[in-house]
Protein backbone atom coordinates (compact mmCIF):
# COMPACT_ATOMS: atom_id res chain seq x y z
CA MET A 1 -41.31 -19.80 10.41
CA ALA A 2 -44.22 -17.45 9.78
CA SER A 3 -42.99 -16.06 6.45
CA ARG A 4 -40.55 -16.91 3.69
CA LEU A 5 -38.89 -14.50 1.24
CA VAL A 6 -37.83 -16.25 -1.97
CA TYR A 7 -35.44 -14.83 -4.57
CA PHE A 8 -36.29 -15.87 -8.14
CA THR A 9 -33.94 -15.59 -11.14
CA PRO A 10 -34.75 -16.22 -14.82
CA LYS A 11 -33.93 -19.91 -14.23
CA GLY A 12 -36.29 -20.24 -11.25
CA PRO A 13 -36.07 -19.92 -7.46
CA LEU A 14 -32.50 -19.50 -6.26
CA CYS A 15 -32.75 -19.22 -2.46
CA PHE A 16 -35.04 -18.27 0.41
CA ILE A 17 -34.92 -16.96 3.96
CA ASP A 18 -37.47 -17.83 6.62
CA TYR A 19 -38.57 -15.18 9.13
CA LEU A 20 -40.24 -15.60 12.50
CA THR A 21 -43.10 -13.23 11.62
CA VAL A 22 -44.77 -11.88 8.50
CA ARG A 23 -43.84 -8.39 9.69
CA ASP A 24 -40.13 -9.32 9.60
CA GLY A 25 -40.40 -10.54 6.01
CA LEU A 26 -42.40 -7.46 4.98
CA ALA A 27 -39.79 -5.18 6.57
CA VAL A 28 -36.99 -6.76 4.52
CA LEU A 29 -39.05 -6.61 1.32
CA GLU A 30 -39.79 -2.92 2.01
CA GLN A 31 -36.08 -2.20 2.48
CA ILE A 32 -35.38 -3.81 -0.87
CA ARG A 33 -38.26 -1.93 -2.50
CA LYS A 34 -36.80 1.41 -1.36
CA THR A 35 -33.50 0.74 -3.16
CA VAL A 36 -34.93 -0.36 -6.52
CA ARG A 37 -35.55 2.14 -9.31
CA GLY A 38 -38.52 1.53 -11.61
CA SER A 39 -37.92 0.52 -15.20
CA ARG A 40 -39.88 -0.61 -18.23
CA LEU A 41 -37.45 -3.37 -19.06
CA PRO A 42 -38.62 -6.99 -18.93
CA ARG A 43 -38.87 -8.22 -15.38
CA LEU A 44 -36.46 -11.07 -14.88
CA TYR A 45 -35.72 -11.19 -11.14
CA GLU A 46 -38.23 -11.28 -8.32
CA PHE A 47 -38.58 -11.37 -4.56
CA ARG A 48 -41.76 -13.11 -3.39
CA LEU A 49 -42.96 -13.09 0.19
CA PHE A 50 -45.05 -16.01 1.40
CA GLU A 51 -46.94 -16.54 4.63
CA LYS A 52 -46.93 -19.97 6.23
CA ILE A 53 -50.36 -21.40 6.79
CA LYS A 54 -51.41 -24.79 8.06
CA ASN A 55 -51.35 -26.50 4.64
CA GLY A 56 -48.46 -24.67 2.98
CA LEU A 57 -47.47 -21.21 1.79
CA VAL A 58 -49.56 -18.34 0.43
CA ARG A 59 -47.98 -15.49 -1.53
CA ILE A 60 -48.72 -12.15 0.10
CA ASP A 61 -46.40 -9.70 -1.69
CA ALA A 62 -43.85 -9.52 -4.50
CA LEU A 63 -41.28 -7.19 -6.00
CA VAL A 64 -40.11 -7.68 -9.57
CA LEU A 65 -36.80 -6.36 -10.91
CA PRO A 66 -35.78 -5.76 -14.53
CA LYS A 67 -32.16 -6.81 -13.93
CA PHE A 68 -29.82 -8.23 -11.34
CA ASP A 69 -29.46 -5.70 -8.53
CA SER A 70 -26.57 -6.31 -6.13
CA LYS A 71 -27.88 -3.82 -3.54
CA SER A 72 -31.20 -5.65 -3.19
CA VAL A 73 -29.45 -9.03 -2.93
CA SER A 74 -27.14 -7.58 -0.23
CA ILE A 75 -30.14 -6.41 1.82
CA PHE A 76 -31.73 -9.84 1.39
CA LEU A 77 -28.59 -11.68 2.53
CA ASP A 78 -27.90 -9.22 5.38
CA SER A 79 -31.35 -10.01 6.75
CA LEU A 80 -30.22 -13.61 7.22
CA GLU A 81 -27.24 -12.47 9.25
CA GLY A 82 -29.40 -10.24 11.43
CA ARG A 83 -31.91 -13.05 11.98
CA SER A 84 -29.25 -15.56 12.98
CA LEU A 85 -27.81 -13.07 15.48
CA GLN A 86 -31.25 -12.72 17.09
CA LEU A 87 -31.52 -16.50 17.49
CA SER A 88 -28.12 -16.87 19.16
């Protein structure tokens, strides 16, 4: 694992997906970013991308969302399916 994309809800982190490279994680985050419309509502949901370093994880990018967005969650979960197909 070189990067980890974590999905946060108002109650805290819900799930994460590990990627082989930082570029893979950034690509998924960028796909999600392209589907989200900006809003001035409170930001309750968040995707955070971390890079694995020797002693742990360092946050390198984030995308905050004002509400639950099923399209962004679908992209996030579809990236897991694509990753597992590459490893097979």
